[in-house]
Each structure stands twice: as C-alpha cells, then as structure tokens.
Amino acid sequence: MADLLLLLEGLKAAPACLVTVESTQGSTPREVGAWMSVFEDKLVGSVGGGHIEHQAIAEARRRLRGGLGAPQLRYALGPALGQCCGGVMHLRFALVGAQDGAGLQQRLAGVRHPVALFGGGHVGHALARVLAPLPFALTWIDSRDGVFPAHPPGDVVCEHSEPVHLAVPRLAAGSRVLVMSFSHAEDLDVVAACLQRQRTQGDLPFIGLIGSQTKWATFASRLHGRGFTPQELAQVACPIGVPGIVGKEPEVIAVAVAAQLLQTLQGARTAFRRHCSGR
C-alpha cells in the first residue's frame, strides 16, 4: 500500500512507465501482479531485482523518452540474463500519468487481508509498524485513551472500544485476530468473544494470543469453565509467532507474528494469482 501511495504522489509531478508481471512460468523472483513504476529519477516497487529488473528499468526509461515497443516482453531467467532461476517472466510496459491515478489505485491495491490487533502496548506498536507495508488491512483496538500514535503507520484504523471485547462482533469477516492487551482479564474476554463468534459464524481464520504456555494453560481452564470445548480451544494459537525465533524485544516478537500471519495466506495468495491471470 505504501508503494502505491508513493506512485500516485509521484504521478502528480511526472509520468512513469508501469512495469507489471503479466505471467510467469517455472521459478521466478516475483509473482503475477507484482509491479514497479519507473520514473526518470526514481523507482517505486519491484519486479524481482537483479538483471531482470535492471533490463526492465532500462526498457521502461527508453519508452519514457519516446521509444516504441510491444506492450509485453518475454524474459527468460537463464544464463543469457545472468540469472539462474530458470523460469520465464512476461512483463507488461505501460506509460501512465496523473490522469490514470484512480484506475491504478483500484487495479494495484491488490488483496488486503483484515487483521484485528487488540492492544496498544509496546508489542502492539511494533506490530503496527511491521504490518503496515504488508498485505494486511489493520484495525488496531484498545480500551484506553491516548495509547495510539498521533500518526499511525500506513492506513491503520485505530478504534477505541470499552469494554474492548465488544469490538469482536463488529470485525470484518475473515479477520485474523491478535490479542495482546495490557490486561489478562481483557485478553481472556477477547479470546472468549472470538471463540463465541467462531461457534456461530466460523469466519476468523486465525486467533493468536500473546503469552507463555503457562498463561495458555490458565486461560484454557477458564475458557473450558465458560463452556468451550477442547476442539474450540484448539483454534487459539498461544504463544504466537513462528517457532525458533528467540528474543522478547517487541520488534522481534512483531517479526515472528507477522511471519506467522503471512504463513496463513497461502490459500488466499493462490486465489489472487488466479484472479490476476484470468484463470
């Protein structure tokens, strides 16, 4: 999303050549739909780096200066190009200007997956920064006033909810939920609200709770006392974050959690690639 905003802002001052990955075969550095905008004096985005990107930039700038060419070019990522991926990329080149802004915003925004982050503490702040440039639409929720930054990163939506768990029924369908409030009591209520929503709607693909295995054992016992079954409790990931990453610094935890969220997107990414390729 940040790259798209930079592109739209740049087009107000000068035209660019938009380079888009139209189709791929075999192993390639970027996926269908990836894009790069080439201005005379700067770049926004990427179609893969290395020699393929070097040649694409040269071709885009040639067209910016009036050169002609087919809308789409084929690049084989073999020894002749100095890359060993072995696949093939078809890149589309199109000159764009400020008048194309609205269409580009709709076309390049891509799929953004809703995430609800409960908690405005140190880890919450680090996570908001890490998630902002990733393919997530983040809603950041807390029961306290004055915990959000004056200028949230990206287009993060900040929401006050008191009590905080009442925000759960309002979450967008398909939300991935991260629970890390300042209070264990609030955490418990949010998790319980998520499980209740799962029981009736089943539309939260991930529920992650920050904390230790000891914390989860206590929570599981209390949630069981509220009537949730072991099968329902198994929907909660605690501790959160991909395993094997050590360190308790907020930024380290944020990276581990963001990586875990990205792992949940494989099915959604496959559907998006099919959408981009028209299949």
Protein backbone atom coordinates (compact mmCIF):
# COMPACT_ATOMS: atom_id res chain seq x y z
CA MET A 1 0.00 0.00 0.00
CA ALA A 2 2.88 2.38 0.80
CA ASP A 3 4.37 1.86 -2.68
CA LEU A 4 1.02 2.61 -4.29
CA LEU A 5 0.74 5.88 -2.40
CA LEU A 6 4.28 6.81 -3.49
CA LEU A 7 3.38 6.03 -7.10
CA LEU A 8 0.23 8.14 -7.02
CA GLU A 9 2.07 11.03 -5.39
CA GLY A 10 4.90 10.80 -7.92
CA LEU A 11 2.50 10.87 -10.87
CA LYS A 12 1.29 14.30 -9.78
CA ALA A 13 4.70 15.66 -10.78
CA ALA A 14 5.82 13.46 -13.68
CA PRO A 15 4.76 10.49 -15.83
CA ALA A 16 6.11 6.99 -15.28
CA CYS A 17 6.32 3.65 -17.03
CA LEU A 18 4.46 0.95 -15.12
CA VAL A 19 6.04 -2.50 -15.38
CA THR A 20 3.77 -5.37 -14.32
CA VAL A 21 4.40 -9.11 -14.07
CA GLU A 22 1.76 -10.36 -16.52
CA SER A 23 2.50 -14.08 -16.37
CA THR A 24 5.23 -16.48 -15.22
CA GLN A 25 6.50 -19.98 -15.95
CA GLY A 26 8.73 -22.00 -13.66
CA SER A 27 10.82 -20.41 -10.92
CA THR A 28 10.67 -16.60 -10.88
CA PRO A 29 11.63 -13.94 -8.32
CA ARG A 30 8.17 -12.33 -8.22
CA GLU A 31 4.56 -13.40 -8.69
CA VAL A 32 1.86 -12.39 -11.16
CA GLY A 33 0.58 -8.93 -10.29
CA ALA A 34 3.88 -7.62 -8.88
CA TRP A 35 4.71 -4.19 -10.27
CA MET A 36 7.31 -1.47 -10.48
CA SER A 37 6.87 2.14 -11.56
CA VAL A 38 9.87 3.69 -13.29
CA PHE A 39 10.27 7.46 -13.26
CA GLU A 40 13.16 9.31 -14.85
CA ASP A 41 14.75 9.86 -11.45
CA LYS A 42 13.35 7.19 -9.14
CA LEU A 43 11.75 3.77 -8.77
CA VAL A 44 8.76 2.57 -6.78
CA GLY A 45 8.11 -1.14 -6.24
CA SER A 46 9.96 -4.14 -7.66
CA VAL A 47 9.55 -6.94 -10.20
CA GLY A 48 12.33 -9.07 -8.78
CA GLY A 49 15.69 -7.32 -8.58
CA GLY A 50 18.88 -8.45 -10.29
CA HIS A 51 19.39 -8.42 -14.06
CA ILE A 52 15.71 -8.85 -14.88
CA GLU A 53 14.89 -5.63 -13.05
CA HIS A 54 17.94 -3.85 -14.49
CA GLN A 55 16.78 -4.62 -18.02
CA ALA A 56 13.16 -3.74 -17.24
CA ILE A 57 14.23 -0.35 -15.87
CA ALA A 58 16.30 0.38 -18.99
CA GLU A 59 13.40 -0.61 -21.24
CA ALA A 60 10.91 1.47 -19.22
CA ARG A 61 13.11 4.58 -19.38
CA ARG A 62 13.62 4.10 -23.10
CA ARG A 63 9.84 4.20 -23.51
CA LEU A 64 9.55 7.21 -21.22
CA ARG A 65 11.85 9.04 -23.67
CA GLY A 66 9.63 8.22 -26.62
CA GLY A 67 10.79 4.75 -27.62
CA LEU A 68 8.26 2.30 -29.00
CA GLY A 69 7.79 -1.39 -28.33
CA ALA A 70 5.34 -4.23 -27.85
CA PRO A 71 3.16 -3.88 -24.74
CA GLN A 72 4.54 -7.14 -23.36
CA LEU A 73 8.06 -8.59 -23.43
CA ARG A 74 9.34 -12.06 -22.54
CA TYR A 75 12.37 -12.54 -20.29
CA ALA A 76 14.00 -15.95 -19.81
CA LEU A 77 15.80 -16.10 -16.47
CA GLY A 78 18.74 -18.16 -17.64
CA PRO A 79 22.48 -17.70 -18.22
CA ALA A 80 21.95 -15.15 -21.01
CA LEU A 81 20.30 -12.83 -18.49
CA GLY A 82 22.79 -13.60 -15.76
CA GLN A 83 20.21 -15.24 -13.51
CA CYS A 84 19.81 -18.87 -12.60
CA CYS A 85 16.10 -19.01 -11.67
CA GLY A 86 15.38 -20.87 -14.89
CA GLY A 87 11.85 -19.56 -15.29
CA VAL A 88 10.22 -17.12 -17.67
CA MET A 89 8.59 -13.77 -16.90
CA HIS A 90 6.29 -11.81 -19.20
CA LEU A 91 6.41 -8.12 -18.30
CA ARG A 92 3.89 -5.54 -19.46
CA PHE A 93 5.01 -1.94 -20.03
CA ALA A 94 2.54 0.98 -19.94
CA LEU A 95 3.07 4.73 -19.77
CA VAL A 96 0.97 6.28 -17.01
CA GLY A 97 0.30 9.78 -15.74
CA ALA A 98 -1.70 11.68 -13.17
CA GLN A 99 -4.89 11.09 -15.16
CA ASP A 100 -4.53 7.33 -14.53
CA GLY A 101 -4.42 7.66 -10.75
CA ALA A 102 -7.93 6.43 -9.95
CA GLY A 103 -7.65 3.40 -12.21
CA LEU A 104 -4.22 2.49 -10.86
CA GLN A 105 -5.42 2.75 -7.29
CA GLN A 106 -8.16 0.23 -7.97
CA ARG A 107 -6.00 -2.07 -10.08
CA LEU A 108 -2.83 -2.18 -7.99
CA ALA A 109 -4.23 -2.15 -4.48
CA GLY A 110 -4.33 -5.93 -4.53
CA VAL A 111 -5.93 -8.15 -1.91
CA ARG A 112 -5.50 -6.92 1.66
CA HIS A 113 -6.50 -9.28 4.44
CA PRO A 114 -8.16 -7.87 7.57
CA VAL A 115 -6.26 -8.11 10.84
CA ALA A 116 -7.61 -7.01 14.23
CA LEU A 117 -4.91 -6.13 16.74
CA PHE A 118 -6.12 -5.85 20.34
CA GLY A 119 -3.61 -3.94 22.44
CA GLY A 120 -1.70 -0.67 22.17
CA GLY A 121 1.36 -1.67 24.18
CA HIS A 122 4.98 -1.90 23.04
CA VAL A 123 4.43 -5.08 21.01
CA GLY A 124 1.26 -3.64 19.50
CA HIS A 125 3.13 -0.54 18.33
CA ALA A 126 5.92 -2.66 16.85
CA LEU A 127 3.40 -4.90 15.10
CA ALA A 128 1.52 -1.97 13.60
CA ARG A 129 4.77 -0.73 12.05
CA VAL A 130 5.72 -4.16 10.72
CA LEU A 131 2.28 -4.97 9.29
CA ALA A 132 1.68 -1.58 7.63
CA PRO A 133 3.55 -2.36 4.34
CA LEU A 134 2.36 -5.99 4.22
CA PRO A 135 -0.85 -7.21 2.50
CA PHE A 136 -3.00 -6.61 5.58
CA ALA A 137 -5.73 -4.12 6.44
CA LEU A 138 -5.08 -3.47 10.11
CA THR A 139 -7.68 -2.38 12.68
CA TRP A 140 -5.98 -1.52 15.97
CA ILE A 141 -8.21 -1.68 19.06
CA ASP A 142 -7.74 -0.69 22.70
CA SER A 143 -9.96 0.24 25.64
CA ARG A 144 -7.66 3.05 26.80
CA ASP A 145 -7.44 6.62 25.59
CA GLY A 146 -4.17 8.10 24.37
CA VAL A 147 -2.39 4.84 23.51
CA PHE A 148 -2.30 5.22 19.73
CA PRO A 149 0.35 7.30 17.94
CA ALA A 150 -0.68 10.69 16.60
CA HIS A 151 0.17 9.47 13.10
CA PRO A 152 -0.45 5.70 12.79
CA PRO A 153 1.66 3.89 10.19
CA GLY A 154 0.19 3.39 6.72
CA ASP A 155 -3.59 3.41 6.69
CA VAL A 156 -4.05 1.65 10.04
CA VAL A 157 -7.51 2.24 11.53
CA CYS A 158 -7.44 2.95 15.28
CA GLU A 159 -10.55 2.15 17.30
CA HIS A 160 -11.47 2.73 20.95
CA SER A 161 -13.74 0.10 22.49
CA GLU A 162 -14.82 -0.06 26.12
CA PRO A 163 -15.17 -2.85 27.06
CA VAL A 164 -12.70 -3.97 24.44
CA HIS A 165 -14.25 -7.38 23.66
CA LEU A 166 -17.40 -5.71 22.29
CA ALA A 167 -15.39 -4.92 19.16
CA VAL A 168 -15.19 -8.62 18.23
CA PRO A 169 -18.72 -8.94 16.76
CA ARG A 170 -18.00 -5.90 14.55
CA LEU A 171 -14.82 -7.29 12.99
CA ALA A 172 -14.74 -7.82 9.25
CA ALA A 173 -15.36 -11.39 8.12
CA GLY A 174 -12.08 -13.21 7.60
CA SER A 175 -10.21 -11.17 10.21
CA ARG A 176 -7.06 -12.59 11.70
CA VAL A 177 -7.10 -11.64 15.38
CA LEU A 178 -4.09 -10.82 17.55
CA VAL A 179 -4.73 -10.48 21.29
CA MET A 180 -2.17 -8.61 23.43
CA SER A 181 -3.93 -6.09 25.64
CA PHE A 182 -2.50 -4.58 28.85
CA SER A 183 -4.68 -6.88 30.97
CA HIS A 184 -5.00 -10.65 31.20
CA ALA A 185 -8.67 -10.14 32.04
CA GLU A 186 -9.19 -8.22 28.81
CA ASP A 187 -7.25 -10.83 26.86
CA LEU A 188 -9.48 -13.56 28.27
CA ASP A 189 -12.66 -11.69 27.36
CA VAL A 190 -11.45 -11.01 23.81
CA VAL A 191 -10.49 -14.65 23.25
CA ALA A 192 -13.84 -15.79 24.65
CA ALA A 193 -15.66 -13.38 22.32
CA CYS A 194 -13.65 -14.71 19.37
CA LEU A 195 -14.49 -18.31 20.23
CA GLN A 196 -18.15 -17.41 20.61
CA ARG A 197 -18.07 -15.81 17.16
CA GLN A 198 -16.37 -18.91 15.78
CA ARG A 199 -19.14 -21.03 17.25
CA THR A 200 -21.83 -19.03 15.44
CA GLN A 201 -20.05 -17.74 12.32
CA GLY A 202 -16.74 -19.58 11.94
CA ASP A 203 -15.19 -16.71 9.98
CA LEU A 204 -11.98 -15.91 11.92
CA PRO A 205 -9.15 -17.84 10.22
CA PHE A 206 -6.58 -17.11 12.95
CA ILE A 207 -6.78 -16.25 16.66
CA GLY A 208 -3.41 -15.56 18.27
CA LEU A 209 -2.81 -14.82 21.93
CA ILE A 210 0.46 -13.41 23.26
CA GLY A 211 1.86 -15.18 26.31
CA SER A 212 3.51 -18.31 27.62
CA GLN A 213 2.32 -21.89 27.70
CA THR A 214 1.59 -21.34 31.39
CA LYS A 215 -0.68 -18.42 30.55
CA TRP A 216 -2.49 -20.51 27.96
CA ALA A 217 -2.97 -23.39 30.41
CA THR A 218 -4.68 -20.97 32.81
CA PHE A 219 -6.78 -19.45 30.02
CA ALA A 220 -7.77 -22.86 28.66
CA SER A 221 -9.02 -23.91 32.09
CA ARG A 222 -11.08 -20.74 32.50
CA LEU A 223 -12.46 -20.91 28.96
CA HIS A 224 -13.39 -24.55 29.49
CA GLY A 225 -15.27 -23.37 32.58
CA ARG A 226 -17.18 -20.97 30.32
CA GLY A 227 -18.35 -23.90 28.23
CA PHE A 228 -15.82 -24.03 25.37
CA THR A 229 -14.76 -27.49 24.25
CA PRO A 230 -11.17 -28.68 23.68
CA GLN A 231 -11.85 -28.61 19.92
CA GLU A 232 -12.86 -24.95 20.15
CA LEU A 233 -9.87 -24.08 22.32
CA ALA A 234 -7.57 -25.66 19.73
CA GLN A 235 -8.42 -22.74 17.42
CA VAL A 236 -6.28 -20.42 19.55
CA ALA A 237 -2.55 -20.13 18.85
CA CYS A 238 -0.60 -19.39 22.04
CA PRO A 239 2.23 -18.50 22.25
CA ILE A 240 2.03 -16.61 18.94
CA GLY A 241 4.81 -16.23 16.41
CA VAL A 242 6.70 -18.69 14.26
CA PRO A 243 8.80 -21.04 16.41
CA GLY A 244 12.56 -20.81 16.56
CA ILE A 245 12.83 -17.03 16.80
CA VAL A 246 14.34 -16.15 20.18
CA GLY A 247 14.18 -12.80 21.92
CA LYS A 248 11.45 -10.94 23.75
CA GLU A 249 12.07 -7.49 22.34
CA PRO A 250 8.84 -6.02 20.90
CA GLU A 251 10.34 -5.77 17.41
CA VAL A 252 11.48 -9.40 17.48
CA ILE A 253 8.04 -10.61 18.58
CA ALA A 254 6.43 -8.43 15.90
CA VAL A 255 8.52 -10.00 13.14
CA ALA A 256 7.72 -13.52 14.37
CA VAL A 257 3.99 -12.77 14.50
CA ALA A 258 3.99 -11.11 11.07
CA ALA A 259 5.73 -14.16 9.61
CA GLN A 260 3.08 -16.40 11.17
CA LEU A 261 0.31 -14.31 9.63
CA LEU A 262 1.97 -14.50 6.23
CA GLN A 263 2.05 -18.28 6.53
CA THR A 264 -1.75 -18.27 6.81
CA LEU A 265 -2.14 -16.51 3.45
CA GLN A 266 -1.05 -19.29 1.08
CA GLY A 267 -4.56 -20.25 0.01
CA ALA A 268 -5.58 -16.62 -0.39
CA ARG A 269 -2.46 -15.84 -2.46
CA THR A 270 -3.22 -18.74 -4.79
CA ALA A 271 -6.71 -17.37 -5.39
CA PHE A 272 -5.29 -13.89 -6.06
CA ARG A 273 -2.78 -15.20 -8.60
CA ARG A 274 -5.60 -16.97 -10.43
CA HIS A 275 -7.59 -13.73 -10.41
CA CYS A 276 -4.66 -11.74 -11.86
CA SER A 277 -4.01 -14.26 -14.62
CA GLY A 278 -7.71 -14.52 -15.52
CA ARG A 279 -7.96 -18.23 -14.77
